[in-house]
């Protein structure tokens, strides 16, 4: 009687690594492996149990998930860096525009205070975009005595 040679390394590899189908990793069952290699699935089960294939499959599966998570984190991080830099550029451009408005000679004090507040908010936004955080809350208080008479009606 001619006994066929069984490629247990290939069968084990198929079971542990699975196969990527339509972008999703699929893992065969012992029954599917038995059909593919024309071996009784109980024979495969016995061998797999003895050699603890399921633990090896879990280790490989965990590594695949970890690599995928690392790639996802890297992509999100790259997008975050681009977003932060763009936010910083916007804050910088806004700051330049506010400087121009603050340098106008006919600007009202109340308008100036609003612009200063906007500049301060803009600066905080830019720092946060670069990863700096500030728990400090600042308030701009304008004394009514500071506002000239001709500007009080605009309040």
Protein backbone atom coordinates (compact mmCIF):
# COMPACT_ATOMS: atom_id res chain seq x y z
CA UNK A 1 0.00 0.00 0.00
CA UNK A 2 1.36 3.40 -1.01
CA UNK A 3 1.18 5.91 1.79
CA UNK A 4 1.20 9.56 0.74
CA UNK A 5 3.51 11.96 2.48
CA UNK A 6 1.67 14.64 4.48
CA UNK A 7 3.16 18.12 4.48
CA UNK A 8 2.38 18.97 8.09
CA UNK A 9 4.43 22.18 7.97
CA UNK A 10 2.22 23.50 5.15
CA UNK A 11 -1.00 22.46 6.89
CA UNK A 12 0.14 24.02 10.17
CA UNK A 13 1.21 27.19 8.36
CA UNK A 14 -2.17 27.46 6.63
CA UNK A 15 -3.95 27.02 9.97
CA UNK A 16 -1.78 29.50 11.91
CA UNK A 17 -1.35 32.24 9.30
CA UNK A 18 -4.66 31.99 7.52
CA UNK A 19 -5.18 33.61 4.16
CA UNK A 20 -6.01 37.20 3.23
CA UNK A 21 -9.25 37.26 1.23
CA UNK A 22 -10.72 40.59 0.05
CA UNK A 23 -8.58 42.48 2.54
CA UNK A 24 -9.71 40.32 5.48
CA UNK A 25 -7.66 37.56 7.06
CA UNK A 26 -9.58 34.27 7.04
CA UNK A 27 -8.54 31.29 9.12
CA UNK A 28 -9.44 27.78 7.93
CA UNK A 29 -11.13 25.23 10.16
CA UNK A 30 -9.69 21.75 10.67
CA UNK A 31 -12.51 20.40 8.50
CA UNK A 32 -11.58 22.80 5.66
CA UNK A 33 -7.91 21.83 5.95
CA UNK A 34 -8.90 18.15 5.89
CA UNK A 35 -10.84 18.69 2.65
CA UNK A 36 -8.02 20.73 1.09
CA UNK A 37 -5.32 18.16 1.90
CA UNK A 38 -7.59 15.06 1.76
CA UNK A 39 -6.86 14.10 5.35
CA UNK A 40 -9.40 13.24 8.03
CA UNK A 41 -10.04 16.38 10.03
CA UNK A 42 -9.80 14.35 13.25
CA UNK A 43 -6.18 13.53 12.32
CA UNK A 44 -5.47 17.23 11.91
CA UNK A 45 -7.27 17.98 15.20
CA UNK A 46 -5.16 15.44 17.07
CA UNK A 47 -1.90 16.80 15.67
CA UNK A 48 -2.94 20.43 16.22
CA UNK A 49 -3.87 19.73 19.83
CA UNK A 50 -0.63 17.86 20.51
CA UNK A 51 1.47 20.70 19.02
CA UNK A 52 -0.78 23.50 20.40
CA UNK A 53 -1.43 25.17 17.04
CA UNK A 54 -4.20 27.32 18.48
CA UNK A 55 -1.75 29.15 20.80
CA UNK A 56 0.58 29.79 17.87
CA UNK A 57 -2.35 31.06 15.80
CA UNK A 58 -3.32 33.44 18.60
CA UNK A 59 0.24 34.79 18.83
CA UNK A 60 0.40 35.40 15.06
CA UNK A 61 -3.08 36.93 15.06
CA UNK A 62 -2.12 39.28 17.92
CA UNK A 63 1.02 40.36 16.04
CA UNK A 64 -1.04 41.10 12.91
CA UNK A 65 -3.52 43.17 14.91
CA UNK A 66 -0.66 45.00 16.65
CA UNK A 67 1.03 45.83 13.31
CA UNK A 68 -2.25 47.07 11.89
CA UNK A 69 -2.83 49.23 14.97
CA UNK A 70 0.69 50.66 14.72
CA UNK A 71 0.13 51.53 11.05
CA UNK A 72 -3.20 53.17 11.89
CA UNK A 73 -1.64 55.17 14.73
CA UNK A 74 1.18 56.28 12.43
CA UNK A 75 -1.27 57.42 9.74
CA UNK A 76 -3.42 59.29 12.26
CA UNK A 77 -0.30 60.83 13.79
CA UNK A 78 0.91 62.02 10.38
CA UNK A 79 -2.49 63.58 9.68
CA UNK A 80 -2.46 65.17 13.14
CA UNK A 81 0.95 66.72 12.52
CA UNK A 82 -0.22 68.14 9.18
CA UNK A 83 -3.37 69.48 10.84
CA UNK A 84 -1.39 71.05 13.67
CA UNK A 85 1.02 72.72 11.25
CA UNK A 86 -1.84 74.04 9.12
CA UNK A 87 -3.59 75.32 12.25
CA UNK A 88 -0.37 77.04 13.30
CA UNK A 89 -0.03 78.66 9.84
CA UNK A 90 -3.62 79.91 10.04
CA UNK A 91 -2.98 81.30 13.52
CA UNK A 92 0.18 82.99 12.25
CA UNK A 93 -1.67 84.57 9.28
CA UNK A 94 -4.46 85.72 11.58
CA UNK A 95 -1.89 87.28 13.89
CA UNK A 96 -0.43 89.28 11.00
CA UNK A 97 -3.88 90.56 10.03
CA UNK A 98 -4.61 91.52 13.62
CA UNK A 99 -1.31 93.43 13.82
CA UNK A 100 -2.31 95.44 10.77
CA UNK A 101 -5.69 96.26 12.30
CA UNK A 102 -4.11 97.22 15.65
CA UNK A 103 -1.71 99.60 13.90
CA UNK A 104 -4.56 101.61 12.39
CA UNK A 105 -4.61 105.08 13.93
CA UNK A 106 -8.37 105.51 13.90
CA UNK A 107 -9.15 102.27 15.74
CA UNK A 108 -11.44 102.61 18.78
CA UNK A 109 -10.17 101.33 22.10
CA UNK A 110 -13.05 98.89 22.41
CA UNK A 111 -12.23 97.50 18.96
CA UNK A 112 -8.58 97.32 19.96
CA UNK A 113 -9.47 95.34 23.08
CA UNK A 114 -11.53 92.91 21.01
CA UNK A 115 -8.61 92.51 18.61
CA UNK A 116 -6.17 92.00 21.49
CA UNK A 117 -8.48 89.33 22.91
CA UNK A 118 -8.68 87.73 19.45
CA UNK A 119 -4.89 87.80 19.21
CA UNK A 120 -4.59 86.16 22.63
CA UNK A 121 -7.10 83.45 21.67
CA UNK A 122 -5.27 82.98 18.39
CA UNK A 123 -1.95 82.58 20.20
CA UNK A 124 -3.47 79.96 22.51
CA UNK A 125 -4.89 78.15 19.48
CA UNK A 126 -1.47 78.13 17.81
CA UNK A 127 0.25 76.81 20.94
CA UNK A 128 -2.33 74.05 21.32
CA UNK A 129 -1.80 73.16 17.67
CA UNK A 130 1.87 72.59 18.52
CA UNK A 131 0.98 70.39 21.47
CA UNK A 132 1.33 72.93 24.27
CA UNK A 133 -1.49 73.07 26.75
CA UNK A 134 -2.29 75.81 29.16
CA UNK A 135 -4.50 75.45 32.20
CA UNK A 136 -4.13 79.16 32.87
CA UNK A 137 -7.29 81.15 32.19
CA UNK A 138 -6.70 84.76 31.38
CA UNK A 139 -9.33 87.45 31.40
CA UNK A 140 -9.08 90.88 29.88
CA UNK A 141 -10.91 93.41 31.99
CA UNK A 142 -11.47 96.87 30.63
CA UNK A 143 -12.26 99.55 33.12
CA UNK A 144 -15.14 101.86 32.09
CA UNK A 145 -12.86 104.76 33.06
CA UNK A 146 -10.40 103.63 30.39
CA UNK A 147 -12.94 103.93 27.55
CA UNK A 148 -13.07 107.49 26.14
CA UNK A 149 -16.43 109.32 26.20
CA UNK A 150 -16.91 109.20 22.43
CA UNK A 151 -16.40 105.42 22.49
CA UNK A 152 -18.86 104.59 25.34
CA UNK A 153 -21.93 104.67 23.10
CA UNK A 154 -20.50 101.79 21.03
CA UNK A 155 -20.35 99.43 24.00
